[in-house]
C-alpha atoms as a PDB file:
ATOM      1  CA  MET A   1      -1.259 -33.287 -36.701  1.00  0.00           C
ATOM      2  CA  ASN A   2       2.296 -32.384 -37.606  1.00  0.00           C
ATOM      3  CA  ASN A   3       5.190 -31.860 -35.228  1.00  0.00           C
ATOM      4  CA  LYS A   4       4.901 -28.064 -35.391  1.00  0.00           C
ATOM      5  CA  GLN A   5       1.244 -28.123 -34.349  1.00  0.00           C
ATOM      6  CA  LEU A   6       1.989 -30.592 -31.568  1.00  0.00           C
ATOM      7  CA  THR A   7       4.813 -28.383 -30.308  1.00  0.00           C
ATOM      8  CA  ILE A   8       2.532 -25.315 -30.234  1.00  0.00           C
ATOM      9  CA  ILE A   9      -0.150 -27.241 -28.328  1.00  0.00           C
ATOM     10  CA  LEU A  10       2.360 -28.597 -25.803  1.00  0.00           C
ATOM     11  CA  CYS A  11       3.781 -25.118 -25.273  1.00  0.00           C
ATOM     12  CA  GLY A  12       0.293 -23.765 -24.672  1.00  0.00           C
ATOM     13  CA  VAL A  13      -0.427 -26.501 -22.142  1.00  0.00           C
ATOM     14  CA  ALA A  14       2.867 -25.780 -20.386  1.00  0.00           C
ATOM     15  CA  VAL A  15       2.051 -22.084 -20.173  1.00  0.00           C
ATOM     16  CA  LEU A  16      -1.410 -22.806 -18.739  1.00  0.00           C
ATOM     17  CA  LEU A  17       0.011 -25.233 -16.195  1.00  0.00           C
ATOM     18  CA  GLY A  18       2.658 -22.734 -15.193  1.00  0.00           C
ATOM     19  CA  PHE A  19       0.035 -20.023 -14.794  1.00  0.00           C
ATOM     20  CA  SER A  20      -2.195 -22.314 -12.719  1.00  0.00           C
ATOM     21  CA  PHE A  21       0.650 -23.368 -10.438  1.00  0.00           C
ATOM     22  CA  GLY A  22       1.667 -19.728 -10.122  1.00  0.00           C
ATOM     23  CA  ILE A  23      -1.820 -18.738  -8.962  1.00  0.00           C
ATOM     24  CA  TYR A  24      -1.975 -21.686  -6.560  1.00  0.00           C
ATOM     25  CA  GLY A  25       1.421 -20.809  -5.154  1.00  0.00           C
ATOM     26  CA  HIS A  26       0.426 -17.173  -4.709  1.00  0.00           C
ATOM     27  CA  LEU A  27      -2.808 -18.065  -2.924  1.00  0.00           C
ATOM     28  CA  ASN A  28      -1.026 -20.602  -0.734  1.00  0.00           C
ATOM     29  CA  LYS A  29       1.627 -18.052   0.244  1.00  0.00           C
ATOM     30  CA  LYS A  30      -1.081 -15.489   1.009  1.00  0.00           C
ATOM     31  CA  SER A  31      -2.928 -18.011   3.177  1.00  0.00           C
ATOM     32  CA  GLU A  32       0.282 -18.871   5.023  1.00  0.00           C
ATOM     33  CA  ALA A  33       0.955 -15.163   5.571  1.00  0.00           C
ATOM     34  CA  VAL A  34      -2.524 -14.640   7.060  1.00  0.00           C
ATOM     35  CA  ALA A  35      -2.072 -17.653   9.334  1.00  0.00           C
ATOM     36  CA  ARG A  36       1.266 -16.260  10.501  1.00  0.00           C
ATOM     37  CA  LEU A  37      -0.334 -12.865  11.186  1.00  0.00           C
ATOM     38  CA  ALA A  38      -3.058 -14.569  13.215  1.00  0.00           C
ATOM     39  CA  GLN A  39      -0.467 -16.362  15.351  1.00  0.00           C
ATOM     40  CA  GLU A  40       1.573 -13.218  15.869  1.00  0.00           C
ATOM     41  CA  ASN A  41      -1.474 -11.110  16.759  1.00  0.00           C
ATOM     42  CA  SER A  42      -3.599 -13.514  18.808  1.00  0.00           C
ATOM     43  CA  SER A  43      -4.862 -10.666  20.997  1.00  0.00           C
ATOM     44  CA  VAL A  44      -7.108  -9.479  18.155  1.00  0.00           C
ATOM     45  CA  PHE A  45      -9.308 -12.519  18.771  1.00  0.00           C
ATOM     46  CA  ASN A  46      -9.926 -11.652  22.419  1.00  0.00           C
ATOM     47  CA  ARG A  47     -11.858  -8.397  22.574  1.00  0.00           C
ATOM     48  CA  ALA A  48     -14.201  -8.164  25.555  1.00  0.00           C
ATOM     49  CA  HIS A  49     -16.727  -6.054  23.648  1.00  0.00           C
ATOM     50  CA  ALA A  50     -17.396  -8.632  20.922  1.00  0.00           C
ATOM     51  CA  PRO A  51     -20.823 -10.357  20.893  1.00  0.00           C
ATOM     52  CA  THR A  52     -20.694 -14.111  21.395  1.00  0.00           C
ATOM     53  CA  TYR A  53     -23.041 -17.016  20.723  1.00  0.00           C
ATOM     54  CA  GLY A  54     -22.542 -20.356  22.422  1.00  0.00           C
ATOM     55  CA  SER A  55     -20.891 -21.537  25.607  1.00  0.00           C
ATOM     56  CA  PRO A  56     -18.185 -19.283  27.071  1.00  0.00           C
ATOM     57  CA  GLU A  57     -16.477 -22.517  28.153  1.00  0.00           C
ATOM     58  CA  ALA A  58     -16.135 -23.774  24.571  1.00  0.00           C
ATOM     59  CA  LYS A  59     -12.606 -24.687  23.527  1.00  0.00           C
ATOM     60  CA  VAL A  60     -13.267 -23.958  19.856  1.00  0.00           C
ATOM     61  CA  ARG A  61     -13.993 -20.367  18.823  1.00  0.00           C
ATOM     62  CA  ILE A  62     -15.185 -19.203  15.433  1.00  0.00           C
ATOM     63  CA  VAL A  63     -14.328 -15.541  14.972  1.00  0.00           C
ATOM     64  CA  GLU A  64     -16.362 -14.030  12.152  1.00  0.00           C
ATOM     65  CA  PHE A  65     -15.671 -10.631  10.637  1.00  0.00           C
ATOM     66  CA  PHE A  66     -19.191  -9.598   9.703  1.00  0.00           C
ATOM     67  CA  ASP A  67     -20.777  -6.822   7.632  1.00  0.00           C
ATOM     68  CA  PRO A  68     -24.540  -6.364   8.219  1.00  0.00           C
ATOM     69  CA  ALA A  69     -24.985  -5.260   4.585  1.00  0.00           C
ATOM     70  CA  CYS A  70     -23.174  -8.312   3.214  1.00  0.00           C
ATOM     71  CA  GLU A  71     -25.446 -10.778   1.382  1.00  0.00           C
ATOM     72  CA  THR A  72     -23.027 -13.649   1.967  1.00  0.00           C
ATOM     73  CA  CYS A  73     -22.986 -12.869   5.697  1.00  0.00           C
ATOM     74  CA  ARG A  74     -26.779 -13.116   5.644  1.00  0.00           C
ATOM     75  CA  ALA A  75     -26.597 -16.489   3.891  1.00  0.00           C
ATOM     76  CA  PHE A  76     -23.994 -17.824   6.319  1.00  0.00           C
ATOM     77  CA  TYR A  77     -25.697 -16.556   9.492  1.00  0.00           C
ATOM     78  CA  PRO A  78     -28.047 -19.542  10.072  1.00  0.00           C
ATOM     79  CA  LEU A  79     -25.403 -21.992   8.889  1.00  0.00           C
ATOM     80  CA  VAL A  80     -22.836 -20.787  11.420  1.00  0.00           C
ATOM     81  CA  LYS A  81     -25.399 -20.864  14.222  1.00  0.00           C
ATOM     82  CA  ARG A  82     -26.223 -24.474  13.314  1.00  0.00           C
ATOM     83  CA  ILE A  83     -22.549 -25.374  13.538  1.00  0.00           C
ATOM     84  CA  VAL A  84     -22.424 -23.918  17.057  1.00  0.00           C
ATOM     85  CA  ASP A  85     -25.716 -25.529  18.121  1.00  0.00           C
ATOM     86  CA  GLY A  86     -24.652 -28.876  16.730  1.00  0.00           C
ATOM     87  CA  HIS A  87     -21.590 -29.126  18.956  1.00  0.00           C
ATOM     88  CA  GLN A  88     -23.341 -28.832  22.322  1.00  0.00           C
ATOM     89  CA  GLY A  89     -21.108 -26.385  24.135  1.00  0.00           C
ATOM     90  CA  GLU A  90     -17.863 -27.207  22.346  1.00  0.00           C
ATOM     91  CA  VAL A  91     -17.973 -24.299  19.872  1.00  0.00           C
ATOM     92  CA  GLN A  92     -18.531 -20.569  20.357  1.00  0.00           C
ATOM     93  CA  LEU A  93     -19.102 -17.848  17.757  1.00  0.00           C
ATOM     94  CA  VAL A  94     -17.502 -14.423  18.202  1.00  0.00           C
ATOM     95  CA  VAL A  95     -18.729 -11.616  15.936  1.00  0.00           C
ATOM     96  CA  ARG A  96     -16.600  -8.675  14.836  1.00  0.00           C
ATOM     97  CA  LEU A  97     -18.257  -5.839  12.913  1.00  0.00           C
ATOM     98  CA  VAL A  98     -16.539  -4.554   9.778  1.00  0.00           C
ATOM     99  CA  PRO A  99     -18.797  -2.285   7.702  1.00  0.00           C
ATOM    100  CA  PHE A 100     -17.111  -2.495   4.314  1.00  0.00           C
ATOM    101  CA  HIS A 101     -20.302  -1.706   2.375  1.00  0.00           C
ATOM    102  CA  LYS A 102     -21.585   1.826   1.952  1.00  0.00           C
ATOM    103  CA  GLY A 103     -24.022   2.710   4.737  1.00  0.00           C
ATOM    104  CA  SER A 104     -23.391  -0.398   6.798  1.00  0.00           C
ATOM    105  CA  ASP A 105     -21.502   1.588   9.442  1.00  0.00           C
ATOM    106  CA  VAL A 106     -24.886   2.880  10.647  1.00  0.00           C
ATOM    107  CA  ALA A 107     -26.210  -0.683  10.861  1.00  0.00           C
ATOM    108  CA  ALA A 108     -23.068  -1.768  12.700  1.00  0.00           C
ATOM    109  CA  ARG A 109     -23.497   0.948  15.318  1.00  0.00           C
ATOM    110  CA  ILE A 110     -27.130  -0.100  15.782  1.00  0.00           C
ATOM    111  CA  LEU A 111     -25.916  -3.631  16.454  1.00  0.00           C
ATOM    112  CA  ILE A 112     -23.369  -2.331  18.948  1.00  0.00           C
ATOM    113  CA  ALA A 113     -26.171  -0.482  20.735  1.00  0.00           C
ATOM    114  CA  ALA A 114     -28.322  -3.627  20.688  1.00  0.00           C
ATOM    115  CA  HIS A 115     -25.476  -5.605  22.215  1.00  0.00           C
ATOM    116  CA  GLN A 116     -25.408  -3.168  25.127  1.00  0.00           C
ATOM    117  CA  GLN A 117     -28.994  -4.275  25.794  1.00  0.00           C
ATOM    118  CA  GLN A 118     -28.004  -7.947  25.356  1.00  0.00           C
ATOM    119  CA  LEU A 119     -30.061  -8.123  22.172  1.00  0.00           C
ATOM    120  CA  PHE A 120     -27.345  -8.404  19.544  1.00  0.00           C
ATOM    121  CA  PHE A 121     -28.515 -11.620  17.886  1.00  0.00           C
ATOM    122  CA  PRO A 122     -32.275 -10.915  17.843  1.00  0.00           C
ATOM    123  CA  VAL A 123     -31.580  -7.484  16.356  1.00  0.00           C
ATOM    124  CA  ALA A 124     -28.988  -8.907  13.949  1.00  0.00           C
ATOM    125  CA  GLU A 125     -31.629 -11.284  12.589  1.00  0.00           C
ATOM    126  CA  VAL A 126     -34.023  -8.393  11.957  1.00  0.00           C
ATOM    127  CA  VAL A 127     -31.249  -6.383  10.301  1.00  0.00           C
ATOM    128  CA  LEU A 128     -30.337  -9.305   8.041  1.00  0.00           C
ATOM    129  CA  ASN A 129     -33.938 -10.219   7.211  1.00  0.00           C
ATOM    130  CA  SER A 130     -34.640  -6.615   6.184  1.00  0.00           C
ATOM    131  CA  GLN A 131     -31.339  -6.230   4.324  1.00  0.00           C
ATOM    132  CA  ASP A 132     -32.980  -5.942   0.903  1.00  0.00           C
ATOM    133  CA  ALA A 133     -34.997  -2.958   2.116  1.00  0.00           C
ATOM    134  CA  TRP A 134     -32.176  -0.858   3.527  1.00  0.00           C
ATOM    135  CA  ALA A 135     -28.894  -2.066   2.036  1.00  0.00           C
ATOM    136  CA  ALA A 136     -29.336  -1.461  -1.697  1.00  0.00           C
ATOM    137  CA  HIS A 137     -25.796  -1.027  -3.016  1.00  0.00           C
ATOM    138  CA  ASP A 138     -26.705   1.946  -5.225  1.00  0.00           C
ATOM    139  CA  SER A 139     -28.685   3.868  -2.584  1.00  0.00           C
ATOM    140  CA  PRO A 140     -28.500   2.357   0.920  1.00  0.00           C
ATOM    141  CA  ASN A 141     -30.826   3.760   3.565  1.00  0.00           C
ATOM    142  CA  PRO A 142     -29.758   2.204   6.892  1.00  0.00           C
ATOM    143  CA  GLU A 143     -31.948   4.562   8.917  1.00  0.00           C
ATOM    144  CA  ARG A 144     -34.870   2.418   7.749  1.00  0.00           C
ATOM    145  CA  ILE A 145     -33.609  -0.302  10.089  1.00  0.00           C
ATOM    146  CA  TRP A 146     -35.241   1.485  13.012  1.00  0.00           C
ATOM    147  CA  THR A 147     -38.697   0.920  11.516  1.00  0.00           C
ATOM    148  CA  PHE A 148     -38.109  -2.834  11.360  1.00  0.00           C
ATOM    149  CA  LEU A 149     -37.029  -2.937  15.008  1.00  0.00           C
ATOM    150  CA  LYS A 150     -40.362  -1.711  16.363  1.00  0.00           C
ATOM    151  CA  GLY A 151     -41.532  -5.267  16.972  1.00  0.00           C
ATOM    152  CA  THR A 152     -38.502  -6.153  19.100  1.00  0.00           C
ATOM    153  CA  SER A 153     -37.915  -5.502  22.792  1.00  0.00           C
ATOM    154  CA  LEU A 154     -35.131  -3.034  21.991  1.00  0.00           C
ATOM    155  CA  ASP A 155     -35.290   0.282  23.843  1.00  0.00           C
ATOM    156  CA  ALA A 156     -35.076   2.355  20.667  1.00  0.00           C
ATOM    157  CA  ALA A 157     -34.522   5.703  22.385  1.00  0.00           C
ATOM    158  CA  LYS A 158     -31.558   4.389  24.346  1.00  0.00           C
ATOM    159  CA  ALA A 159     -30.259   2.472  21.323  1.00  0.00           C
ATOM    160  CA  ARG A 160     -30.295   5.613  19.171  1.00  0.00           C
ATOM    161  CA  GLN A 161     -28.301   7.439  21.815  1.00  0.00           C
ATOM    162  CA  ASP A 162     -25.828   4.584  22.235  1.00  0.00           C
ATOM    163  CA  ALA A 163     -25.428   4.079  18.480  1.00  0.00           C
ATOM    164  CA  ALA A 164     -24.462   7.734  18.055  1.00  0.00           C
ATOM    165  CA  SER A 165     -21.984   7.714  20.935  1.00  0.00           C
ATOM    166  CA  PRO A 166     -18.203   8.035  20.614  1.00  0.00           C
ATOM    167  CA  GLN A 167     -17.921   4.703  22.446  1.00  0.00           C
ATOM    168  CA  ALA A 168     -19.797   2.894  19.665  1.00  0.00           C
ATOM    169  CA  GLN A 169     -17.547   4.475  17.053  1.00  0.00           C
ATOM    170  CA  ALA A 170     -14.453   3.502  19.039  1.00  0.00           C
ATOM    171  CA  LEU A 171     -15.554  -0.145  19.215  1.00  0.00           C
ATOM    172  CA  LEU A 172     -16.249  -0.144  15.495  1.00  0.00           C
ATOM    173  CA  GLU A 173     -12.826   1.304  14.772  1.00  0.00           C
ATOM    174  CA  GLN A 174     -11.237  -1.376  16.967  1.00  0.00           C
ATOM    175  CA  ASP A 175     -12.911  -4.123  14.942  1.00  0.00           C
ATOM    176  CA  LEU A 176     -11.823  -2.492  11.693  1.00  0.00           C
ATOM    177  CA  ALA A 177      -8.265  -2.133  12.976  1.00  0.00           C
ATOM    178  CA  ASP A 178      -8.151  -5.812  13.941  1.00  0.00           C
ATOM    179  CA  ALA A 179      -9.508  -6.787  10.525  1.00  0.00           C
ATOM    180  CA  ASN A 180      -6.781  -4.703   8.929  1.00  0.00           C
ATOM    181  CA  THR A 181      -4.142  -6.382  11.097  1.00  0.00           C
ATOM    182  CA  LEU A 182      -5.319  -9.786   9.862  1.00  0.00           C
ATOM    183  CA  GLN A 183      -5.647  -8.543   6.260  1.00  0.00           C
ATOM    184  CA  VAL A 184      -9.386  -9.220   6.199  1.00  0.00           C
ATOM    185  CA  THR A 185     -10.657  -7.332   3.160  1.00  0.00           C
ATOM    186  CA  LYS A 186     -14.033  -8.991   2.530  1.00  0.00           C
ATOM    187  CA  THR A 187     -16.816 -10.572   4.512  1.00  0.00           C
ATOM    188  CA  PRO A 188     -17.557 -12.932   5.994  1.00  0.00           C
ATOM    189  CA  GLY A 189     -14.028 -13.617   7.163  1.00  0.00           C
ATOM    190  CA  PHE A 190     -13.604 -16.664   9.399  1.00  0.00           C
ATOM    191  CA  PHE A 191     -10.923 -17.786  11.824  1.00  0.00           C
ATOM    192  CA  VAL A 192     -11.274 -20.954  13.912  1.00  0.00           C
ATOM    193  CA  ASN A 193      -9.043 -20.969  16.976  1.00  0.00           C
ATOM    194  CA  GLY A 194      -6.909 -18.452  15.135  1.00  0.00           C
ATOM    195  CA  ARG A 195      -6.707 -20.510  11.930  1.00  0.00           C
ATOM    196  CA  PRO A 196      -7.979 -18.677   8.842  1.00  0.00           C
ATOM    197  CA  LEU A 197     -10.468 -20.389   6.540  1.00  0.00           C
ATOM    198  CA  LYS A 198      -8.250 -20.966   3.509  1.00  0.00           C
ATOM    199  CA  ASP A 199     -10.842 -22.199   1.009  1.00  0.00           C
ATOM    200  CA  PHE A 200     -14.078 -20.275   1.433  1.00  0.00           C
ATOM    201  CA  GLY A 201     -17.316 -22.216   1.734  1.00  0.00           C
ATOM    202  CA  HIS A 202     -19.776 -23.635   4.240  1.00  0.00           C
ATOM    203  CA  GLU A 203     -18.498 -27.207   3.987  1.00  0.00           C
ATOM    204  CA  GLN A 204     -14.927 -25.976   4.293  1.00  0.00           C
ATOM    205  CA  LEU A 205     -15.848 -24.045   7.447  1.00  0.00           C
ATOM    206  CA  LYS A 206     -17.547 -27.108   8.917  1.00  0.00           C
ATOM    207  CA  ALA A 207     -14.463 -29.192   8.156  1.00  0.00           C
ATOM    208  CA  LEU A 208     -12.146 -26.670   9.813  1.00  0.00           C
ATOM    209  CA  VAL A 209     -14.368 -26.566  12.902  1.00  0.00           C
ATOM    210  CA  GLU A 210     -14.420 -30.374  13.041  1.00  0.00           C
ATOM    211  CA  GLU A 211     -10.626 -30.460  12.923  1.00  0.00           C
ATOM    212  CA  GLU A 212     -10.393 -28.100  15.869  1.00  0.00           C
ATOM    213  CA  VAL A 213     -13.101 -29.935  17.821  1.00  0.00           C
ATOM    214  CA  LYS A 214     -11.224 -33.212  17.440  1.00  0.00           C
ATOM    215  CA  ARG A 215      -8.030 -31.511  18.534  1.00  0.00           C
ATOM    216  CA  ALA A 216      -9.633 -29.790  21.536  1.00  0.00           C
ATOM    217  CA  TYR A 217     -11.815 -32.733  22.590  1.00  0.00           C
ATOM    218  CA  PRO A 218      -9.878 -35.934  21.824  1.00  0.00           C
ATOM    219  CA  GLN A 219     -11.827 -39.137  22.278  1.00  0.00           C
END
């Protein structure tokens, strides 16, 4: 290899390194900006209408921005519940509904109606388990959800009325507005005690929760 070839290779490596550091710096700045927004707008994490799972006395709160048509939300659902269950009253899950997918606004309003009957999580599990049948990205048909809910204890007549109400739409718009404030653009979006999940993944979420548990419940 002559000096000219070596110089070209070294220049290429330098360009790649610069590009990589540039991307890392951009992502890090974006993450810092989201964290700053979360601190400045802490009220968005405390909405009385939001469904919760786990002890209301928990000092660690996972706020999840959730789309019922989101396949990743479906995959994370049992994992997040296990995190809450595994901490015996120290961790609570708070769900915010953000229907980013086509047709999922109907599903979100059904979940809001179910929450009014204190059945959010049982109905959410049915909605997620039947996701393949109603949430096809090319031709979603969320009205099919009602057929899958026949085996639940949901009062379907009341739920249909509540789901179509202006109140349900207002709650949905509140969740979407809060997501916009925090620059949440995809689901699931997680915040733990107001701290955004910087590197997405189940293990990363567990690690962030563990950090906050240790901080909130020092030995």
